[in-house]
């Protein structure tokens, strides 16, 4: 079955903030959002996109100066063909991948909107904080702890504005509270972040 082949293919893609566990969380959250919105979605395409949307951030696919989404789109057809994924769903998978990042406005396709919201939510709340702290000193986004804290604050302030579905906005409220609470306590314990 193509799903087991895809899971085998992505096994090497491990990372503290994106990779297999992120792929699974985003897929499961996308399905949950679809259910909450009473949307009938193509779960196969969501699954394929979930496990391929960030491959452009990993070797051997990573290309300096090129957005990881574009790289994933360029490579996903060949990968999907090699695992016998239904060819008629390739365009939908590409659209989902193209629209997944919070800084991209999704297309009008329901799977792309749902997936975009799920991926954005994974940058929020306790899981979002954990992911950002896990890449301190490893990624350009977070060269040091202070920059990571400012990114958490930025995501708290800006990511809710990038959500499209009512179901995602509802989940966002709880995750925003988790981020706000974390930042408030950290501020108290670090003299307003000066002692980080």
N, C-alpha and C. Protein backbone atom coordinates (compact mmCIF):
# COMPACT_ATOMS: atom_id res chain seq x y z
N UNK A 1 0.84 -1.20 0.00
CA UNK A 1 0.00 0.00 0.00
C UNK A 1 0.88 1.25 0.00
N UNK A 2 0.42 2.28 -0.70
CA UNK A 2 1.24 3.47 -0.89
C UNK A 2 1.54 4.19 0.43
N UNK A 3 0.63 4.13 1.41
CA UNK A 3 0.86 4.84 2.68
C UNK A 3 2.07 4.26 3.41
N UNK A 4 2.15 2.95 3.48
CA UNK A 4 3.30 2.35 4.17
C UNK A 4 4.61 2.65 3.42
N UNK A 5 4.54 2.70 2.10
CA UNK A 5 5.73 3.06 1.32
C UNK A 5 6.15 4.51 1.58
N UNK A 6 5.16 5.38 1.69
CA UNK A 6 5.46 6.79 1.97
C UNK A 6 6.07 6.94 3.37
N UNK A 7 5.51 6.25 4.35
CA UNK A 7 6.05 6.31 5.71
C UNK A 7 7.48 5.79 5.75
N UNK A 8 7.76 4.77 4.97
CA UNK A 8 9.13 4.23 4.90
C UNK A 8 10.05 5.26 4.25
N UNK A 9 9.57 5.93 3.21
CA UNK A 9 10.36 6.93 2.49
C UNK A 9 10.76 8.10 3.40
N UNK A 10 9.85 8.54 4.27
CA UNK A 10 10.12 9.73 5.09
C UNK A 10 10.83 9.41 6.42
N UNK A 11 11.09 8.13 6.70
CA UNK A 11 11.75 7.76 7.96
C UNK A 11 13.02 8.56 8.25
N UNK A 12 13.87 8.83 7.25
CA UNK A 12 15.10 9.58 7.55
C UNK A 12 14.88 11.05 7.89
N UNK A 13 13.69 11.58 7.62
CA UNK A 13 13.44 13.01 7.81
C UNK A 13 13.08 13.32 9.27
N UNK A 14 14.11 13.34 10.09
CA UNK A 14 13.91 13.65 11.51
C UNK A 14 14.53 15.01 11.80
N UNK A 15 13.88 15.74 12.68
CA UNK A 15 14.31 17.09 13.03
C UNK A 15 13.55 17.46 14.29
N UNK A 16 14.14 18.28 15.18
CA UNK A 16 13.42 18.62 16.41
C UNK A 16 12.17 19.47 16.20
N UNK A 17 12.04 20.13 15.06
CA UNK A 17 10.88 21.00 14.86
C UNK A 17 10.02 20.61 13.66
N UNK A 18 10.61 20.03 12.66
CA UNK A 18 9.81 19.53 11.53
C UNK A 18 10.39 18.17 11.17
N UNK A 19 9.58 17.38 10.56
CA UNK A 19 9.95 15.99 10.31
C UNK A 19 8.77 15.10 10.63
N UNK A 20 9.02 13.82 10.80
CA UNK A 20 7.96 12.81 10.90
C UNK A 20 6.90 13.14 11.96
N UNK A 21 7.31 13.53 13.15
CA UNK A 21 6.32 13.80 14.20
C UNK A 21 5.46 15.02 13.84
N UNK A 22 6.08 16.02 13.26
CA UNK A 22 5.34 17.20 12.78
C UNK A 22 4.38 16.79 11.67
N UNK A 23 4.86 15.95 10.74
CA UNK A 23 4.01 15.49 9.64
C UNK A 23 2.74 14.83 10.19
N UNK A 24 2.93 13.95 11.17
CA UNK A 24 1.79 13.22 11.72
C UNK A 24 0.83 14.15 12.46
N UNK A 25 1.39 15.07 13.27
CA UNK A 25 0.53 16.01 14.00
C UNK A 25 -0.31 16.84 13.05
N UNK A 26 0.32 17.34 11.99
CA UNK A 26 -0.40 18.21 11.05
C UNK A 26 -1.48 17.43 10.31
N UNK A 27 -1.18 16.20 9.93
CA UNK A 27 -2.20 15.38 9.26
C UNK A 27 -3.40 15.16 10.19
N UNK A 28 -3.12 14.73 11.41
CA UNK A 28 -4.20 14.45 12.36
C UNK A 28 -5.01 15.70 12.68
N UNK A 29 -4.32 16.83 12.79
CA UNK A 29 -5.03 18.08 13.07
C UNK A 29 -5.86 18.53 11.87
N UNK A 30 -5.35 18.31 10.67
CA UNK A 30 -6.12 18.66 9.46
C UNK A 30 -7.41 17.84 9.40
N UNK A 31 -7.33 16.56 9.72
CA UNK A 31 -8.52 15.71 9.73
C UNK A 31 -9.50 16.20 10.81
N UNK A 32 -8.96 16.55 11.98
CA UNK A 32 -9.80 17.05 13.07
C UNK A 32 -10.50 18.35 12.66
N UNK A 33 -9.77 19.26 12.02
CA UNK A 33 -10.37 20.52 11.57
C UNK A 33 -11.47 20.26 10.54
N UNK A 34 -11.22 19.34 9.62
CA UNK A 34 -12.22 19.01 8.60
C UNK A 34 -13.49 18.49 9.25
N UNK A 35 -13.32 17.62 10.26
CA UNK A 35 -14.48 17.07 10.96
C UNK A 35 -15.25 18.18 11.69
N UNK A 36 -14.52 19.06 12.36
CA UNK A 36 -15.17 20.16 13.09
C UNK A 36 -15.90 21.11 12.14
N UNK A 37 -15.39 21.25 10.92
CA UNK A 37 -16.01 22.12 9.92
C UNK A 37 -17.06 21.38 9.09
N UNK A 38 -17.25 20.08 9.38
CA UNK A 38 -18.17 19.25 8.59
C UNK A 38 -17.82 19.25 7.11
N UNK A 39 -16.53 19.13 6.83
CA UNK A 39 -16.06 19.12 5.45
C UNK A 39 -15.69 17.69 5.04
N UNK A 40 -16.13 17.32 3.86
CA UNK A 40 -15.73 16.04 3.28
C UNK A 40 -14.45 16.31 2.49
N UNK A 41 -13.33 15.81 2.99
CA UNK A 41 -12.04 16.10 2.37
C UNK A 41 -11.39 14.83 1.84
N UNK A 42 -10.44 15.03 0.94
CA UNK A 42 -9.67 13.92 0.39
C UNK A 42 -8.54 13.60 1.38
N UNK A 43 -8.78 12.62 2.23
CA UNK A 43 -7.81 12.31 3.28
C UNK A 43 -6.52 11.72 2.71
N UNK A 44 -6.61 11.06 1.55
CA UNK A 44 -5.39 10.52 0.92
C UNK A 44 -4.45 11.67 0.52
N UNK A 45 -5.02 12.69 -0.10
CA UNK A 45 -4.19 13.82 -0.53
C UNK A 45 -3.63 14.58 0.67
N UNK A 46 -4.43 14.71 1.73
CA UNK A 46 -3.94 15.35 2.96
C UNK A 46 -2.80 14.54 3.57
N UNK A 47 -2.94 13.23 3.55
CA UNK A 47 -1.90 12.36 4.11
C UNK A 47 -0.60 12.51 3.31
N UNK A 48 -0.72 12.42 1.99
CA UNK A 48 0.47 12.54 1.13
C UNK A 48 1.14 13.90 1.31
N UNK A 49 0.33 14.95 1.33
CA UNK A 49 0.89 16.30 1.51
C UNK A 49 1.53 16.45 2.88
N UNK A 50 0.91 15.88 3.90
CA UNK A 50 1.44 15.99 5.26
C UNK A 50 2.85 15.43 5.35
N UNK A 51 3.07 14.30 4.69
CA UNK A 51 4.37 13.64 4.81
C UNK A 51 5.38 14.12 3.78
N UNK A 52 4.96 14.99 2.86
CA UNK A 52 5.90 15.51 1.85
C UNK A 52 6.07 17.03 1.90
N UNK A 53 5.24 17.75 2.66
CA UNK A 53 5.23 19.21 2.54
C UNK A 53 6.54 19.88 2.96
N UNK A 54 7.31 19.25 3.83
CA UNK A 54 8.56 19.86 4.29
C UNK A 54 9.82 19.17 3.78
N UNK A 55 9.69 18.25 2.82
CA UNK A 55 10.90 17.52 2.41
C UNK A 55 11.95 18.45 1.80
N UNK A 56 11.52 19.61 1.32
CA UNK A 56 12.48 20.57 0.77
C UNK A 56 13.39 21.18 1.82
N UNK A 57 13.12 20.89 3.09
CA UNK A 57 13.98 21.36 4.17
C UNK A 57 15.03 20.32 4.55
N UNK A 58 15.00 19.17 3.88
CA UNK A 58 15.91 18.07 4.20
C UNK A 58 16.80 17.72 3.01
N UNK A 59 17.99 17.21 3.33
CA UNK A 59 18.85 16.65 2.29
C UNK A 59 18.23 15.33 1.84
N UNK A 60 18.33 14.96 0.59
CA UNK A 60 19.08 15.61 -0.48
C UNK A 60 18.27 16.64 -1.26
N UNK A 61 17.12 17.02 -0.76
CA UNK A 61 16.23 17.92 -1.51
C UNK A 61 16.51 19.40 -1.26
N UNK A 62 17.00 19.73 -0.10
CA UNK A 62 17.20 21.12 0.29
C UNK A 62 18.02 21.88 -0.76
N UNK A 63 17.54 23.09 -1.11
CA UNK A 63 18.25 23.93 -2.07
C UNK A 63 18.39 25.33 -1.49
N UNK A 64 19.61 25.74 -1.30
CA UNK A 64 19.89 27.06 -0.72
C UNK A 64 19.25 28.15 -1.57
N UNK A 65 18.56 29.07 -0.90
CA UNK A 65 17.95 30.20 -1.58
C UNK A 65 16.59 29.89 -2.20
N UNK A 66 16.10 28.67 -2.02
CA UNK A 66 14.82 28.29 -2.59
C UNK A 66 13.88 27.88 -1.47
N UNK A 67 12.63 28.35 -1.53
CA UNK A 67 11.65 28.01 -0.49
C UNK A 67 11.43 26.49 -0.47
N UNK A 68 11.38 25.93 0.73
CA UNK A 68 11.24 24.48 0.86
C UNK A 68 9.94 23.96 0.26
N UNK A 69 8.91 24.79 0.23
CA UNK A 69 7.63 24.38 -0.38
C UNK A 69 7.80 24.17 -1.88
N UNK A 70 8.51 25.09 -2.53
CA UNK A 70 8.73 24.96 -3.98
C UNK A 70 9.53 23.71 -4.31
N UNK A 71 10.52 23.43 -3.49
CA UNK A 71 11.35 22.23 -3.69
C UNK A 71 10.49 20.98 -3.51
N UNK A 72 9.64 20.98 -2.50
CA UNK A 72 8.77 19.83 -2.27
C UNK A 72 7.82 19.60 -3.45
N UNK A 73 7.27 20.69 -3.98
CA UNK A 73 6.36 20.59 -5.13
C UNK A 73 7.10 20.00 -6.34
N UNK A 74 8.33 20.46 -6.56
CA UNK A 74 9.12 19.98 -7.70
C UNK A 74 9.40 18.49 -7.62
N UNK A 75 9.48 17.95 -6.41
CA UNK A 75 9.88 16.56 -6.23
C UNK A 75 8.75 15.60 -5.89
N UNK A 76 7.61 16.13 -5.52
CA UNK A 76 6.56 15.23 -5.00
C UNK A 76 5.96 14.31 -6.05
N UNK A 77 5.82 14.75 -7.29
CA UNK A 77 5.20 13.89 -8.32
C UNK A 77 6.01 12.61 -8.52
N UNK A 78 7.30 12.76 -8.61
CA UNK A 78 8.18 11.60 -8.81
C UNK A 78 8.09 10.64 -7.61
N UNK A 79 8.08 11.21 -6.41
CA UNK A 79 7.98 10.38 -5.20
C UNK A 79 6.64 9.66 -5.17
N UNK A 80 5.56 10.39 -5.44
CA UNK A 80 4.22 9.79 -5.41
C UNK A 80 4.06 8.72 -6.47
N UNK A 81 4.65 8.95 -7.63
CA UNK A 81 4.61 7.95 -8.70
C UNK A 81 5.33 6.68 -8.26
N UNK A 82 6.44 6.83 -7.57
CA UNK A 82 7.25 5.67 -7.15
C UNK A 82 6.55 4.81 -6.10
N UNK A 83 5.55 5.35 -5.41
CA UNK A 83 4.85 4.58 -4.36
C UNK A 83 3.42 4.21 -4.79
N UNK A 84 3.11 4.44 -6.07
CA UNK A 84 1.79 4.10 -6.63
C UNK A 84 0.63 4.91 -6.03
N UNK A 85 0.90 6.16 -5.69
CA UNK A 85 -0.16 7.06 -5.25
C UNK A 85 -1.03 7.39 -6.46
N UNK A 86 -2.35 7.51 -6.28
CA UNK A 86 -3.22 7.82 -7.43
C UNK A 86 -2.79 9.10 -8.15
N UNK A 87 -2.42 8.94 -9.41
CA UNK A 87 -1.86 10.04 -10.20
C UNK A 87 -2.82 11.22 -10.33
N UNK A 88 -4.11 10.93 -10.35
CA UNK A 88 -5.09 12.01 -10.54
C UNK A 88 -5.19 12.93 -9.32
N UNK A 89 -4.53 12.58 -8.21
CA UNK A 89 -4.56 13.41 -7.01
C UNK A 89 -3.28 14.25 -6.83
N UNK A 90 -2.33 14.09 -7.74
CA UNK A 90 -1.06 14.80 -7.62
C UNK A 90 -1.22 16.32 -7.56
N UNK A 91 -2.09 16.86 -8.40
CA UNK A 91 -2.27 18.32 -8.43
C UNK A 91 -2.82 18.84 -7.11
N UNK A 92 -3.71 18.09 -6.49
CA UNK A 92 -4.26 18.50 -5.20
C UNK A 92 -3.16 18.48 -4.13
N UNK A 93 -2.34 17.45 -4.15
CA UNK A 93 -1.22 17.37 -3.19
C UNK A 93 -0.30 18.58 -3.37
N UNK A 94 0.00 18.92 -4.60
CA UNK A 94 0.86 20.08 -4.88
C UNK A 94 0.24 21.38 -4.38
N UNK A 95 -1.06 21.53 -4.58
CA UNK A 95 -1.73 22.75 -4.11
C UNK A 95 -1.68 22.84 -2.59
N UNK A 96 -1.90 21.72 -1.92
CA UNK A 96 -1.85 21.70 -0.45
C UNK A 96 -0.45 22.11 0.02
N UNK A 97 0.56 21.54 -0.61
CA UNK A 97 1.95 21.86 -0.23
C UNK A 97 2.25 23.33 -0.50
N UNK A 98 1.82 23.82 -1.66
CA UNK A 98 2.08 25.22 -2.05
C UNK A 98 1.53 26.20 -1.02
N UNK A 99 0.41 25.86 -0.41
CA UNK A 99 -0.30 26.77 0.48
C UNK A 99 -0.06 26.53 1.96
N UNK A 100 0.84 25.64 2.32
CA UNK A 100 0.86 25.20 3.71
C UNK A 100 1.43 26.21 4.71
N UNK A 101 2.35 27.05 4.30
CA UNK A 101 3.01 27.94 5.26
C UNK A 101 2.11 29.11 5.67
N UNK A 102 2.29 29.56 6.91
CA UNK A 102 1.46 30.65 7.45
C UNK A 102 1.61 31.93 6.65
N UNK A 103 2.73 32.13 5.97
CA UNK A 103 2.95 33.36 5.22
C UNK A 103 2.40 33.29 3.79
N UNK A 104 1.72 32.20 3.46
CA UNK A 104 1.12 32.04 2.13
C UNK A 104 -0.39 32.00 2.26
N UNK A 105 -1.08 32.76 1.42
CA UNK A 105 -2.54 32.72 1.42
C UNK A 105 -2.96 31.45 0.69
N UNK A 106 -3.78 30.60 1.34
CA UNK A 106 -4.17 29.36 0.67
C UNK A 106 -5.10 29.62 -0.51
N UNK A 107 -5.14 28.63 -1.41
CA UNK A 107 -6.09 28.69 -2.52
C UNK A 107 -7.50 28.50 -1.96
N UNK A 108 -8.48 28.43 -2.84
CA UNK A 108 -9.87 28.23 -2.41
C UNK A 108 -10.20 26.76 -2.18
N UNK A 109 -9.25 25.88 -2.38
CA UNK A 109 -9.49 24.44 -2.22
C UNK A 109 -9.54 24.10 -0.74
N UNK A 110 -10.61 23.42 -0.34
CA UNK A 110 -10.85 23.18 1.09
C UNK A 110 -9.71 22.42 1.77
N UNK A 111 -9.12 21.45 1.08
CA UNK A 111 -8.00 20.70 1.67
C UNK A 111 -6.81 21.61 1.94
N UNK A 112 -6.57 22.55 1.05
CA UNK A 112 -5.44 23.47 1.21
C UNK A 112 -5.67 24.43 2.38
N UNK A 113 -6.90 24.88 2.53
CA UNK A 113 -7.23 25.78 3.63
C UNK A 113 -7.09 25.06 4.97
N UNK A 114 -7.64 23.87 5.04
CA UNK A 114 -7.58 23.06 6.27
C UNK A 114 -6.12 22.76 6.63
N UNK A 115 -5.35 22.35 5.65
CA UNK A 115 -3.96 21.98 5.91
C UNK A 115 -3.14 23.20 6.32
N UNK A 116 -3.36 24.31 5.66
CA UNK A 116 -2.69 25.56 6.02
C UNK A 116 -2.94 25.90 7.48
N UNK A 117 -4.19 25.79 7.91
CA UNK A 117 -4.53 26.10 9.30
C UNK A 117 -3.88 25.10 10.27
N UNK A 118 -3.88 23.83 9.90
CA UNK A 118 -3.27 22.82 10.76
C UNK A 118 -1.77 23.06 10.93
N UNK A 119 -1.10 23.37 9.83
CA UNK A 119 0.35 23.62 9.90
C UNK A 119 0.63 24.88 10.72
N UNK A 120 -0.18 25.90 10.55
CA UNK A 120 -0.01 27.14 11.31
C UNK A 120 -0.21 26.89 12.80
N UNK A 121 -1.22 26.13 13.14
CA UNK A 121 -1.49 25.83 14.56
C UNK A 121 -0.33 25.07 15.21
N UNK A 122 0.43 24.32 14.42
CA UNK A 122 1.54 23.57 15.00
C UNK A 122 2.71 24.48 15.38
N UNK A 123 2.63 25.75 15.00
CA UNK A 123 3.61 26.75 15.45
C UNK A 123 3.11 27.48 16.70
N UNK A 124 1.96 27.08 17.20
CA UNK A 124 1.35 27.78 18.32
C UNK A 124 1.20 26.88 19.54
N UNK A 125 0.94 27.50 20.69
CA UNK A 125 0.71 26.75 21.92
C UNK A 125 1.99 26.11 22.45
N UNK A 126 1.80 25.16 23.34
CA UNK A 126 2.94 24.49 23.96
C UNK A 126 3.80 23.78 22.93
N UNK A 127 3.15 23.15 21.94
CA UNK A 127 3.93 22.46 20.91
C UNK A 127 4.72 23.46 20.07
N UNK A 128 4.12 24.59 19.76
CA UNK A 128 4.84 25.62 18.99
C UNK A 128 6.04 26.15 19.75
N UNK A 129 5.86 26.41 21.04
CA UNK A 129 6.98 26.87 21.89
C UNK A 129 8.08 25.82 21.90
N UNK A 130 7.70 24.56 22.08
CA UNK A 130 8.68 23.47 22.13
C UNK A 130 9.47 23.38 20.84
N UNK A 131 8.77 23.50 19.72
CA UNK A 131 9.43 23.41 18.41
C UNK A 131 10.43 24.55 18.23
N UNK A 132 10.03 25.75 18.61
CA UNK A 132 10.92 26.90 18.43
C UNK A 132 12.14 26.78 19.34
N UNK A 133 11.94 26.39 20.57
CA UNK A 133 13.07 26.25 21.50
C UNK A 133 14.00 25.11 21.06
N UNK A 134 13.45 24.11 20.41
CA UNK A 134 14.25 22.96 19.97
C UNK A 134 15.24 23.32 18.86
N UNK A 135 15.01 24.43 18.16
CA UNK A 135 15.89 24.78 17.04
C UNK A 135 16.83 25.94 17.34
N UNK A 136 16.91 26.34 18.61
CA UNK A 136 17.83 27.42 18.98
C UNK A 136 19.25 27.02 18.60
N UNK A 137 19.91 27.88 17.84
CA UNK A 137 21.28 27.62 17.42
C UNK A 137 21.40 26.64 16.26
N UNK A 138 20.28 26.09 15.80
CA UNK A 138 20.31 25.11 14.70
C UNK A 138 19.76 25.66 13.40
N UNK A 139 18.88 26.66 13.50
CA UNK A 139 18.23 27.20 12.32
C UNK A 139 18.38 28.72 12.30
N UNK A 140 18.32 29.30 11.09
CA UNK A 140 18.45 30.75 10.93
C UNK A 140 17.39 31.52 11.71
N UNK A 141 16.21 30.92 11.87
CA UNK A 141 15.12 31.59 12.57
C UNK A 141 15.50 31.94 14.00
N UNK A 142 16.31 31.08 14.61
CA UNK A 142 16.58 31.19 16.06
C UNK A 142 18.06 30.99 16.36
N UNK A 143 18.89 32.00 16.04
CA UNK A 143 20.32 31.84 16.31
C UNK A 143 20.64 31.75 17.81
N UNK A 144 19.77 32.32 18.65
CA UNK A 144 20.00 32.27 20.10
C UNK A 144 18.65 32.24 20.82
N UNK A 145 18.71 32.07 22.13
CA UNK A 145 17.48 31.93 22.91
C UNK A 145 16.62 33.20 22.86
N UNK A 146 17.26 34.36 22.93
CA UNK A 146 16.50 35.61 22.91
C UNK A 146 15.71 35.76 21.61
N UNK A 147 16.33 35.41 20.49
CA UNK A 147 15.62 35.50 19.20
C UNK A 147 14.45 34.51 19.17
N UNK A 148 14.62 33.35 19.81
CA UNK A 148 13.54 32.37 19.87
C UNK A 148 12.35 32.91 20.66
N UNK A 149 12.64 33.59 21.76
CA UNK A 149 11.57 34.15 22.59
C UNK A 149 10.82 35.23 21.81
N UNK A 150 11.55 36.05 21.08
CA UNK A 150 10.90 37.08 20.27
C UNK A 150 10.05 36.45 19.15
N UNK A 151 10.52 35.32 18.60
CA UNK A 151 9.75 34.63 17.57
C UNK A 151 8.46 34.05 18.17
N UNK A 152 8.54 33.51 19.37
CA UNK A 152 7.34 33.00 20.05
C UNK A 152 6.34 34.15 20.24
N UNK A 153 6.84 35.32 20.66
CA UNK A 153 5.97 36.49 20.83
C UNK A 153 5.35 36.91 19.50
N UNK A 154 6.16 36.92 18.47
CA UNK A 154 5.69 37.30 17.13
C UNK A 154 4.61 36.33 16.65
N UNK A 155 4.84 35.03 16.83
CA UNK A 155 3.85 34.04 16.42
C UNK A 155 2.57 34.18 17.23
N UNK A 156 2.70 34.46 18.52
CA UNK A 156 1.52 34.68 19.36
C UNK A 156 0.69 35.84 18.81
N UNK A 157 1.36 36.91 18.41
CA UNK A 157 0.68 38.12 17.96
C UNK A 157 0.13 38.00 16.53
N UNK A 158 0.87 37.32 15.65
CA UNK A 158 0.56 37.37 14.22
C UNK A 158 -0.14 36.14 13.65
N UNK A 159 0.18 34.95 14.15
CA UNK A 159 -0.37 33.75 13.52
C UNK A 159 -1.89 33.62 13.62
N UNK A 160 -2.52 34.10 14.69
CA UNK A 160 -3.99 34.02 14.70
C UNK A 160 -4.64 34.72 13.51
N UNK A 161 -3.97 35.74 12.98
CA UNK A 161 -4.50 36.49 11.83
C UNK A 161 -4.37 35.71 10.53
N UNK A 162 -3.58 34.63 10.56
CA UNK A 162 -3.34 33.83 9.35
C UNK A 162 -4.22 32.60 9.26
N UNK A 163 -5.16 32.44 10.20
CA UNK A 163 -6.05 31.28 10.21
C UNK A 163 -7.35 31.61 9.47
N UNK A 164 -7.91 30.61 8.82
CA UNK A 164 -9.09 30.82 7.98
C UNK A 164 -10.34 30.14 8.49
N UNK A 165 -10.22 29.00 9.15
CA UNK A 165 -11.41 28.26 9.55
C UNK A 165 -11.81 28.59 10.99
N UNK A 166 -13.10 28.52 11.25
CA UNK A 166 -13.60 28.76 12.61
C UNK A 166 -13.04 27.72 13.57
N UNK A 167 -12.91 26.49 13.10
CA UNK A 167 -12.39 25.42 13.96
C UNK A 167 -10.95 25.71 14.38
N UNK A 168 -10.14 26.19 13.45
CA UNK A 168 -8.75 26.52 13.77
C UNK A 168 -8.68 27.71 14.73
N UNK A 169 -9.53 28.68 14.52
CA UNK A 169 -9.54 29.86 15.40
C UNK A 169 -9.92 29.47 16.83
N UNK A 170 -10.80 28.50 16.95
CA UNK A 170 -11.21 28.01 18.27
C UNK A 170 -10.02 27.35 18.99
N UNK A 171 -9.31 26.49 18.28
CA UNK A 171 -8.12 25.85 18.85
C UNK A 171 -7.05 26.88 19.15
N UNK A 172 -6.95 27.86 18.28
CA UNK A 172 -5.97 28.94 18.43
C UNK A 172 -6.13 29.67 19.76
N UNK A 173 -7.34 29.89 20.19
CA UNK A 173 -7.58 30.62 21.44
C UNK A 173 -6.88 29.96 22.62
N UNK A 174 -7.00 28.66 22.71
CA UNK A 174 -6.34 27.92 23.79
C UNK A 174 -4.82 27.98 23.65
N UNK A 175 -4.34 27.83 22.43
CA UNK A 175 -2.89 27.85 22.20
C UNK A 175 -2.30 29.24 22.45
N UNK A 176 -3.06 30.28 22.13
CA UNK A 176 -2.60 31.64 22.42
C UNK A 176 -2.45 31.85 23.93
N UNK A 177 -3.41 31.33 24.69
CA UNK A 177 -3.34 31.43 26.15
C UNK A 177 -2.08 30.75 26.67
N UNK A 178 -1.77 29.57 26.15
CA UNK A 178 -0.56 28.85 26.57
C UNK A 178 0.70 29.68 26.29
N UNK A 179 0.74 30.32 25.12
CA UNK A 179 1.90 31.13 24.75
C UNK A 179 1.99 32.38 25.62
N UNK A 180 0.85 33.02 25.83
CA UNK A 180 0.82 34.24 26.65
C UNK A 180 1.27 33.94 28.07
N UNK A 181 0.79 32.84 28.63
CA UNK A 181 1.15 32.43 29.99
C UNK A 181 2.65 32.14 30.09
N UNK A 182 3.18 31.42 29.11
CA UNK A 182 4.61 31.12 29.07
C UNK A 182 5.44 32.40 29.02
N UNK A 183 5.07 33.31 28.12
CA UNK A 183 5.83 34.55 27.95
C UNK A 183 5.75 35.43 29.20
N UNK A 184 4.58 35.48 29.82
CA UNK A 184 4.42 36.30 31.04
C UNK A 184 5.30 35.77 32.16
N UNK A 185 5.29 34.46 32.36
CA UNK A 185 6.11 33.87 33.43
C UNK A 185 7.60 34.00 33.13
N UNK A 186 7.97 33.81 31.87
CA UNK A 186 9.37 33.96 31.50
C UNK A 186 9.83 35.40 31.69
N UNK A 187 8.99 36.35 31.33
CA UNK A 187 9.31 37.76 31.51
C UNK A 187 9.55 38.08 32.98
N UNK A 188 8.69 37.56 33.85
CA UNK A 188 8.85 37.79 35.30
C UNK A 188 10.18 37.22 35.81
N UNK A 189 10.56 36.08 35.29
CA UNK A 189 11.74 35.38 35.80
C UNK A 189 13.05 35.83 35.15
N UNK A 190 12.96 36.71 34.15
CA UNK A 190 14.16 37.14 33.43
C UNK A 190 14.27 38.65 33.33
N UNK A 191 13.63 39.38 34.25
CA UNK A 191 13.66 40.84 34.23
C UNK A 191 13.27 41.36 32.86
N UNK A 192 12.03 41.00 32.47
CA UNK A 192 11.49 41.40 31.16
C UNK A 192 12.38 40.97 30.00
N UNK A 193 12.83 39.73 30.05
CA UNK A 193 13.65 39.06 29.02
C UNK A 193 15.08 39.58 28.95
N UNK A 194 15.49 40.47 29.82
CA UNK A 194 16.85 40.99 29.78
C UNK A 194 17.88 39.94 30.20
N UNK A 195 17.47 39.01 31.06
CA UNK A 195 18.42 38.04 31.61
C UNK A 195 18.30 36.67 30.96
N UNK A 196 18.08 36.68 29.68
CA UNK A 196 18.03 35.41 28.92
C UNK A 196 19.40 35.20 28.28
